[in-house]
Amino acid sequence: MYVKDFSFESPKVPEIFSTDMAPQTELNIKSVSKEVGKDAQEVALTLTVEAKDKDQVLFVVELEQAGVFIMQGYTKEEKEMLIGSYCPNALYPFAREAISDMVTRGGFPQLLLQPINFDALYAKAVQERLQEKGEQETDPLKSTH
């Protein structure tokens, strides 16, 4: 597991520290994958956190946390499930820690991102794809292993 890209911007520092802040944070997250070798997939989570107080941007953090995962002996559907749920579940704790640390180093109170249930998100995405095709599946996470 490794960091591919990481940035922190706080355009109003140090002036912002002399005001009363009531920050609202917004998290955007996406996952991409690519084949990097025989039976190897790189999966990368990109997280963007923006904190605002009214219309003022307090800080923006962007992180791309990635890892290479060996996927040998799995069906296509099982690999899709691993890429869509298992790998993000493995990467996210490292991303949470890095972002929390960076925000603190930027002079702001600790930011604790909530856990994300990537299994449920993946299951929902599979259901939505199946519904678009007019199919029904009762258990999108079903595995033959």
N, C-alpha and C. Protein backbone atom coordinates (compact mmCIF):
# COMPACT_ATOMS: atom_id res chain seq x y z
N MET A 1 0.84 -1.16 0.00
CA MET A 1 0.00 0.00 0.00
C MET A 1 0.89 1.23 0.00
N TYR A 2 0.44 2.25 -0.71
CA TYR A 2 1.27 3.42 -0.88
C TYR A 2 0.41 4.64 -1.23
N VAL A 3 0.99 5.81 -1.02
CA VAL A 3 0.36 7.07 -1.40
C VAL A 3 0.88 7.44 -2.78
N LYS A 4 -0.05 7.66 -3.73
CA LYS A 4 0.34 8.07 -5.08
C LYS A 4 0.34 9.59 -5.22
N ASP A 5 -0.57 10.25 -4.52
CA ASP A 5 -0.69 11.70 -4.63
C ASP A 5 -1.33 12.23 -3.35
N PHE A 6 -0.84 13.38 -2.88
CA PHE A 6 -1.34 13.93 -1.62
C PHE A 6 -1.15 15.44 -1.66
N SER A 7 -2.22 16.18 -1.37
CA SER A 7 -2.08 17.63 -1.30
C SER A 7 -2.98 18.20 -0.20
N PHE A 8 -2.53 19.30 0.37
CA PHE A 8 -3.27 20.02 1.39
C PHE A 8 -3.19 21.50 1.05
N GLU A 9 -4.33 22.15 0.98
CA GLU A 9 -4.38 23.58 0.70
C GLU A 9 -5.23 24.26 1.76
N SER A 10 -4.73 25.37 2.26
CA SER A 10 -5.49 26.17 3.21
C SER A 10 -5.27 27.64 2.86
N PRO A 11 -6.08 28.16 1.94
CA PRO A 11 -5.82 29.49 1.39
C PRO A 11 -5.98 30.65 2.37
N LYS A 12 -6.68 30.47 3.46
CA LYS A 12 -6.95 31.58 4.39
C LYS A 12 -6.08 31.55 5.65
N VAL A 13 -5.07 30.70 5.69
CA VAL A 13 -4.18 30.63 6.85
C VAL A 13 -3.18 31.77 6.75
N PRO A 14 -2.82 32.46 7.78
CA PRO A 14 -3.18 32.27 9.18
C PRO A 14 -4.40 33.08 9.62
N GLU A 15 -4.93 33.93 8.75
CA GLU A 15 -6.03 34.82 9.15
C GLU A 15 -7.23 34.05 9.72
N ILE A 16 -7.50 32.88 9.17
CA ILE A 16 -8.69 32.11 9.57
C ILE A 16 -8.63 31.69 11.04
N PHE A 17 -7.43 31.56 11.59
CA PHE A 17 -7.30 31.10 12.97
C PHE A 17 -7.76 32.13 13.99
N SER A 18 -7.91 33.38 13.58
CA SER A 18 -8.35 34.42 14.52
C SER A 18 -9.86 34.62 14.48
N THR A 19 -10.57 33.74 13.79
CA THR A 19 -12.03 33.84 13.70
C THR A 19 -12.68 32.62 14.35
N ASP A 20 -13.95 32.76 14.69
CA ASP A 20 -14.71 31.61 15.17
C ASP A 20 -15.14 30.80 13.96
N MET A 21 -14.79 29.53 13.98
CA MET A 21 -15.10 28.67 12.85
C MET A 21 -16.15 27.64 13.24
N ALA A 22 -17.02 27.35 12.31
CA ALA A 22 -17.98 26.24 12.43
C ALA A 22 -17.90 25.46 11.12
N PRO A 23 -16.81 24.71 10.96
CA PRO A 23 -16.58 24.07 9.66
C PRO A 23 -17.58 22.97 9.33
N GLN A 24 -17.92 22.92 8.06
CA GLN A 24 -18.72 21.84 7.49
C GLN A 24 -17.81 21.12 6.50
N THR A 25 -17.72 19.80 6.62
CA THR A 25 -16.84 19.06 5.71
C THR A 25 -17.66 18.25 4.72
N GLU A 26 -17.08 18.10 3.55
CA GLU A 26 -17.68 17.29 2.51
C GLU A 26 -16.62 16.32 2.01
N LEU A 27 -16.97 15.05 1.93
CA LEU A 27 -16.06 14.01 1.47
C LEU A 27 -16.55 13.47 0.15
N ASN A 28 -15.66 13.44 -0.83
CA ASN A 28 -15.92 12.77 -2.10
C ASN A 28 -14.89 11.67 -2.24
N ILE A 29 -15.35 10.51 -2.69
CA ILE A 29 -14.46 9.37 -2.80
C ILE A 29 -14.75 8.61 -4.09
N LYS A 30 -13.69 8.16 -4.73
CA LYS A 30 -13.86 7.32 -5.91
C LYS A 30 -12.76 6.27 -5.91
N SER A 31 -13.04 5.19 -6.60
CA SER A 31 -12.11 4.07 -6.68
C SER A 31 -11.89 3.72 -8.15
N VAL A 32 -10.64 3.53 -8.52
CA VAL A 32 -10.31 3.09 -9.87
C VAL A 32 -9.32 1.93 -9.77
N SER A 33 -9.31 1.11 -10.82
CA SER A 33 -8.36 0.00 -10.83
C SER A 33 -7.79 -0.16 -12.23
N LYS A 34 -6.61 -0.76 -12.26
CA LYS A 34 -6.00 -1.10 -13.54
C LYS A 34 -5.12 -2.32 -13.35
N GLU A 35 -5.01 -3.10 -14.41
CA GLU A 35 -4.16 -4.28 -14.37
C GLU A 35 -2.71 -3.83 -14.46
N VAL A 36 -1.87 -4.37 -13.58
CA VAL A 36 -0.46 -3.98 -13.56
C VAL A 36 0.48 -5.18 -13.74
N GLY A 37 -0.08 -6.32 -14.03
CA GLY A 37 0.71 -7.52 -14.24
C GLY A 37 -0.20 -8.72 -14.24
N LYS A 38 0.39 -9.88 -14.48
CA LYS A 38 -0.41 -11.10 -14.50
C LYS A 38 -1.04 -11.30 -13.13
N ASP A 39 -2.35 -11.34 -13.10
CA ASP A 39 -3.13 -11.53 -11.87
C ASP A 39 -2.92 -10.43 -10.83
N ALA A 40 -2.43 -9.27 -11.25
CA ALA A 40 -2.21 -8.16 -10.31
C ALA A 40 -3.02 -6.94 -10.73
N GLN A 41 -3.71 -6.37 -9.76
CA GLN A 41 -4.53 -5.17 -9.99
C GLN A 41 -4.06 -4.08 -9.05
N GLU A 42 -3.86 -2.89 -9.59
CA GLU A 42 -3.67 -1.74 -8.73
C GLU A 42 -5.05 -1.12 -8.50
N VAL A 43 -5.40 -0.94 -7.25
CA VAL A 43 -6.65 -0.28 -6.89
C VAL A 43 -6.27 0.99 -6.16
N ALA A 44 -6.89 2.10 -6.57
CA ALA A 44 -6.58 3.40 -5.96
C ALA A 44 -7.86 4.08 -5.51
N LEU A 45 -7.85 4.51 -4.27
CA LEU A 45 -8.94 5.33 -3.72
C LEU A 45 -8.50 6.78 -3.77
N THR A 46 -9.34 7.62 -4.32
CA THR A 46 -9.08 9.06 -4.31
C THR A 46 -10.11 9.71 -3.40
N LEU A 47 -9.63 10.37 -2.37
CA LEU A 47 -10.49 11.05 -1.42
C LEU A 47 -10.22 12.55 -1.50
N THR A 48 -11.29 13.32 -1.53
CA THR A 48 -11.19 14.77 -1.48
C THR A 48 -12.07 15.24 -0.32
N VAL A 49 -11.45 15.95 0.60
CA VAL A 49 -12.18 16.51 1.74
C VAL A 49 -12.07 18.03 1.64
N GLU A 50 -13.23 18.67 1.66
CA GLU A 50 -13.26 20.14 1.64
C GLU A 50 -13.99 20.61 2.89
N ALA A 51 -13.34 21.49 3.63
CA ALA A 51 -13.95 22.08 4.83
C ALA A 51 -14.23 23.54 4.55
N LYS A 52 -15.47 23.94 4.83
CA LYS A 52 -15.89 25.33 4.61
C LYS A 52 -16.52 25.88 5.88
N ASP A 53 -16.39 27.17 6.05
CA ASP A 53 -17.12 27.91 7.07
C ASP A 53 -17.88 28.99 6.32
N LYS A 54 -19.17 28.80 6.23
CA LYS A 54 -20.02 29.63 5.38
C LYS A 54 -19.53 29.49 3.94
N ASP A 55 -19.07 30.57 3.33
CA ASP A 55 -18.58 30.49 1.95
C ASP A 55 -17.06 30.41 1.86
N GLN A 56 -16.38 30.44 2.99
CA GLN A 56 -14.92 30.42 3.00
C GLN A 56 -14.41 28.99 3.04
N VAL A 57 -13.49 28.69 2.13
CA VAL A 57 -12.83 27.39 2.16
C VAL A 57 -11.75 27.45 3.23
N LEU A 58 -11.84 26.53 4.20
CA LEU A 58 -10.84 26.46 5.25
C LEU A 58 -9.65 25.62 4.80
N PHE A 59 -9.96 24.45 4.25
CA PHE A 59 -8.91 23.60 3.69
C PHE A 59 -9.50 22.61 2.71
N VAL A 60 -8.62 22.13 1.85
CA VAL A 60 -8.95 21.06 0.91
C VAL A 60 -7.82 20.04 0.99
N VAL A 61 -8.18 18.78 1.19
CA VAL A 61 -7.20 17.70 1.20
C VAL A 61 -7.57 16.74 0.08
N GLU A 62 -6.58 16.37 -0.72
CA GLU A 62 -6.78 15.36 -1.76
C GLU A 62 -5.72 14.29 -1.57
N LEU A 63 -6.18 13.05 -1.56
CA LEU A 63 -5.28 11.92 -1.34
C LEU A 63 -5.64 10.80 -2.29
N GLU A 64 -4.62 10.22 -2.91
CA GLU A 64 -4.81 9.00 -3.69
C GLU A 64 -4.00 7.90 -3.00
N GLN A 65 -4.72 7.00 -2.33
CA GLN A 65 -4.13 5.88 -1.60
C GLN A 65 -4.32 4.64 -2.46
N ALA A 66 -3.24 3.91 -2.72
CA ALA A 66 -3.33 2.78 -3.64
C ALA A 66 -2.62 1.55 -3.09
N GLY A 67 -2.86 0.45 -3.76
CA GLY A 67 -2.19 -0.80 -3.44
C GLY A 67 -2.28 -1.75 -4.62
N VAL A 68 -1.36 -2.69 -4.66
CA VAL A 68 -1.38 -3.73 -5.68
C VAL A 68 -1.87 -5.00 -5.01
N PHE A 69 -2.88 -5.61 -5.61
CA PHE A 69 -3.51 -6.79 -5.06
C PHE A 69 -3.39 -7.94 -6.05
N ILE A 70 -2.93 -9.08 -5.56
CA ILE A 70 -2.82 -10.29 -6.39
C ILE A 70 -4.18 -10.98 -6.38
N MET A 71 -4.69 -11.28 -7.57
CA MET A 71 -6.02 -11.88 -7.72
C MET A 71 -5.92 -13.11 -8.61
N GLN A 72 -5.44 -14.16 -8.02
CA GLN A 72 -5.22 -15.40 -8.75
C GLN A 72 -6.28 -16.42 -8.35
N GLY A 73 -6.87 -17.08 -9.34
CA GLY A 73 -7.83 -18.15 -9.07
C GLY A 73 -9.24 -17.68 -8.81
N TYR A 74 -9.58 -16.47 -9.20
CA TYR A 74 -10.92 -15.94 -9.00
C TYR A 74 -11.63 -15.80 -10.35
N THR A 75 -12.96 -15.92 -10.31
CA THR A 75 -13.75 -15.67 -11.51
C THR A 75 -13.80 -14.16 -11.77
N LYS A 76 -14.28 -13.77 -12.92
CA LYS A 76 -14.41 -12.35 -13.26
C LYS A 76 -15.29 -11.63 -12.25
N GLU A 77 -16.42 -12.25 -11.88
CA GLU A 77 -17.34 -11.64 -10.93
C GLU A 77 -16.70 -11.49 -9.55
N GLU A 78 -15.94 -12.50 -9.14
CA GLU A 78 -15.26 -12.43 -7.84
C GLU A 78 -14.20 -11.33 -7.85
N LYS A 79 -13.47 -11.20 -8.95
CA LYS A 79 -12.47 -10.12 -9.05
C LYS A 79 -13.13 -8.76 -8.96
N GLU A 80 -14.28 -8.62 -9.62
CA GLU A 80 -15.01 -7.35 -9.56
C GLU A 80 -15.41 -7.03 -8.12
N MET A 81 -15.85 -8.06 -7.39
CA MET A 81 -16.22 -7.85 -5.99
C MET A 81 -15.00 -7.46 -5.15
N LEU A 82 -13.88 -8.12 -5.38
CA LEU A 82 -12.66 -7.78 -4.64
C LEU A 82 -12.24 -6.33 -4.91
N ILE A 83 -12.27 -5.95 -6.19
CA ILE A 83 -11.88 -4.59 -6.58
C ILE A 83 -12.87 -3.56 -6.03
N GLY A 84 -14.15 -3.91 -6.00
CA GLY A 84 -15.18 -2.96 -5.58
C GLY A 84 -15.42 -2.87 -4.09
N SER A 85 -15.03 -3.91 -3.34
CA SER A 85 -15.31 -3.85 -1.90
C SER A 85 -14.10 -4.21 -1.03
N TYR A 86 -13.48 -5.36 -1.28
CA TYR A 86 -12.38 -5.80 -0.42
C TYR A 86 -11.21 -4.82 -0.45
N CYS A 87 -10.77 -4.47 -1.66
CA CYS A 87 -9.61 -3.58 -1.79
C CYS A 87 -9.86 -2.20 -1.19
N PRO A 88 -10.99 -1.54 -1.49
CA PRO A 88 -11.25 -0.26 -0.83
C PRO A 88 -11.32 -0.38 0.70
N ASN A 89 -11.88 -1.49 1.20
CA ASN A 89 -11.91 -1.70 2.65
C ASN A 89 -10.51 -1.79 3.23
N ALA A 90 -9.57 -2.36 2.47
CA ALA A 90 -8.19 -2.48 2.93
C ALA A 90 -7.46 -1.14 2.87
N LEU A 91 -7.76 -0.33 1.86
CA LEU A 91 -7.06 0.94 1.65
C LEU A 91 -7.56 2.07 2.55
N TYR A 92 -8.86 2.09 2.81
CA TYR A 92 -9.48 3.24 3.47
C TYR A 92 -8.89 3.59 4.84
N PRO A 93 -8.60 2.62 5.71
CA PRO A 93 -8.02 3.00 7.02
C PRO A 93 -6.70 3.78 6.89
N PHE A 94 -5.88 3.42 5.90
CA PHE A 94 -4.63 4.15 5.69
C PHE A 94 -4.91 5.58 5.22
N ALA A 95 -5.90 5.72 4.35
CA ALA A 95 -6.28 7.05 3.85
C ALA A 95 -6.84 7.91 4.98
N ARG A 96 -7.69 7.33 5.82
CA ARG A 96 -8.26 8.07 6.96
C ARG A 96 -7.16 8.61 7.86
N GLU A 97 -6.20 7.75 8.18
CA GLU A 97 -5.11 8.15 9.06
C GLU A 97 -4.27 9.27 8.45
N ALA A 98 -3.94 9.13 7.16
CA ALA A 98 -3.11 10.14 6.49
C ALA A 98 -3.82 11.49 6.44
N ILE A 99 -5.10 11.48 6.13
CA ILE A 99 -5.85 12.74 6.06
C ILE A 99 -5.97 13.38 7.44
N SER A 100 -6.27 12.59 8.45
CA SER A 100 -6.37 13.12 9.81
C SER A 100 -5.06 13.77 10.23
N ASP A 101 -3.95 13.09 9.95
CA ASP A 101 -2.64 13.61 10.31
C ASP A 101 -2.34 14.92 9.57
N MET A 102 -2.65 14.97 8.28
CA MET A 102 -2.37 16.16 7.49
C MET A 102 -3.20 17.36 7.96
N VAL A 103 -4.47 17.14 8.27
CA VAL A 103 -5.33 18.23 8.74
C VAL A 103 -4.78 18.79 10.06
N THR A 104 -4.36 17.91 10.95
CA THR A 104 -3.79 18.34 12.23
C THR A 104 -2.50 19.13 12.00
N ARG A 105 -1.66 18.65 11.10
CA ARG A 105 -0.41 19.37 10.79
C ARG A 105 -0.68 20.72 10.15
N GLY A 106 -1.85 20.87 9.54
CA GLY A 106 -2.24 22.15 8.96
C GLY A 106 -2.75 23.14 9.98
N GLY A 107 -2.79 22.73 11.26
CA GLY A 107 -3.20 23.63 12.33
C GLY A 107 -4.67 23.55 12.70
N PHE A 108 -5.39 22.61 12.12
CA PHE A 108 -6.82 22.47 12.39
C PHE A 108 -7.06 21.33 13.38
N PRO A 109 -8.24 21.33 14.01
CA PRO A 109 -8.57 20.21 14.91
C PRO A 109 -8.59 18.89 14.13
N GLN A 110 -8.35 17.82 14.86
CA GLN A 110 -8.32 16.50 14.24
C GLN A 110 -9.61 16.22 13.48
N LEU A 111 -9.47 15.67 12.29
CA LEU A 111 -10.62 15.28 11.47
C LEU A 111 -10.68 13.76 11.44
N LEU A 112 -11.76 13.21 11.97
CA LEU A 112 -11.94 11.77 11.96
C LEU A 112 -13.02 11.42 10.94
N LEU A 113 -12.60 10.86 9.82
CA LEU A 113 -13.56 10.44 8.80
C LEU A 113 -14.27 9.18 9.29
N GLN A 114 -15.56 9.13 9.04
CA GLN A 114 -16.37 7.98 9.45
C GLN A 114 -16.00 6.75 8.63
N PRO A 115 -16.15 5.57 9.23
CA PRO A 115 -15.94 4.34 8.45
C PRO A 115 -16.94 4.28 7.29
N ILE A 116 -16.54 3.62 6.23
CA ILE A 116 -17.40 3.44 5.06
C ILE A 116 -17.57 1.94 4.83
N ASN A 117 -18.80 1.52 4.59
CA ASN A 117 -19.11 0.12 4.32
C ASN A 117 -19.04 -0.10 2.80
N PHE A 118 -17.85 -0.42 2.31
CA PHE A 118 -17.67 -0.62 0.87
C PHE A 118 -18.41 -1.86 0.38
N ASP A 119 -18.62 -2.85 1.25
CA ASP A 119 -19.40 -4.03 0.86
C ASP A 119 -20.82 -3.62 0.49
N ALA A 120 -21.43 -2.78 1.32
CA ALA A 120 -22.79 -2.32 1.06
C ALA A 120 -22.84 -1.43 -0.18
N LEU A 121 -21.85 -0.56 -0.34
CA LEU A 121 -21.82 0.30 -1.53
C LEU A 121 -21.68 -0.52 -2.80
N TYR A 122 -20.83 -1.55 -2.75
CA TYR A 122 -20.66 -2.41 -3.91
C TYR A 122 -21.96 -3.17 -4.21
N ALA A 123 -22.58 -3.72 -3.18
CA ALA A 123 -23.84 -4.45 -3.37
C ALA A 123 -24.90 -3.55 -3.98
N LYS A 124 -24.97 -2.31 -3.51
CA LYS A 124 -25.95 -1.36 -4.05
C LYS A 124 -25.65 -1.06 -5.52
N ALA A 125 -24.39 -0.87 -5.86
CA ALA A 125 -24.01 -0.60 -7.26
C ALA A 125 -24.36 -1.78 -8.16
N VAL A 126 -24.13 -3.00 -7.67
CA VAL A 126 -24.47 -4.20 -8.44
C VAL A 126 -25.97 -4.27 -8.65
N GLN A 127 -26.74 -4.04 -7.59
CA GLN A 127 -28.21 -4.06 -7.70
C GLN A 127 -28.70 -3.03 -8.71
N GLU A 128 -28.13 -1.83 -8.66
CA GLU A 128 -28.53 -0.78 -9.60
C GLU A 128 -28.22 -1.17 -11.03
N ARG A 129 -27.05 -1.78 -11.25
CA ARG A 129 -26.70 -2.24 -12.61
C ARG A 129 -27.67 -3.31 -13.07
N LEU A 130 -28.00 -4.25 -12.17
CA LEU A 130 -28.92 -5.33 -12.53
C LEU A 130 -30.31 -4.78 -12.83
N GLN A 131 -30.76 -3.82 -12.04
CA GLN A 131 -32.08 -3.23 -12.28
C GLN A 131 -32.11 -2.48 -13.60
N GLU A 132 -31.01 -1.83 -13.95
CA GLU A 132 -30.95 -1.16 -15.24
C GLU A 132 -31.10 -2.16 -16.38
N LYS A 133 -30.57 -3.36 -16.18
CA LYS A 133 -30.68 -4.41 -17.20
C LYS A 133 -32.00 -5.15 -17.10
N GLY A 134 -32.78 -4.87 -16.05
CA GLY A 134 -34.06 -5.54 -15.87
C GLY A 134 -33.93 -6.90 -15.22
N GLU A 135 -32.77 -7.19 -14.62
CA GLU A 135 -32.55 -8.47 -13.96
C GLU A 135 -32.72 -8.30 -12.45
N GLN A 136 -32.92 -9.41 -11.76
CA GLN A 136 -32.99 -9.39 -10.30
C GLN A 136 -32.00 -10.40 -9.75
N GLU A 137 -31.29 -10.01 -8.72
CA GLU A 137 -30.32 -10.88 -8.06
C GLU A 137 -30.56 -10.73 -6.56
N THR A 138 -30.64 -11.82 -5.84
CA THR A 138 -30.92 -11.72 -4.41
C THR A 138 -29.67 -11.46 -3.59
N ASP A 139 -28.52 -11.98 -3.99
CA ASP A 139 -27.31 -11.81 -3.20
C ASP A 139 -26.14 -11.46 -4.12
N PRO A 140 -25.87 -10.16 -4.35
CA PRO A 140 -24.81 -9.78 -5.26
C PRO A 140 -23.41 -10.08 -4.74
N LEU A 141 -23.27 -10.38 -3.45
CA LEU A 141 -21.96 -10.69 -2.90
C LEU A 141 -21.71 -12.19 -2.80
N LYS A 142 -22.60 -12.99 -3.36
CA LYS A 142 -22.48 -14.44 -3.30
C LYS A 142 -21.16 -14.88 -3.94
N SER A 143 -20.47 -15.77 -3.27
CA SER A 143 -19.19 -16.27 -3.76
C SER A 143 -19.23 -17.78 -3.85
N THR A 144 -18.43 -18.32 -4.76
CA THR A 144 -18.36 -19.77 -4.90
C THR A 144 -17.23 -20.36 -4.08
N HIS A 145 -16.44 -19.51 -3.39
CA HIS A 145 -15.34 -20.01 -2.56
C HIS A 145 -15.85 -20.38 -1.19
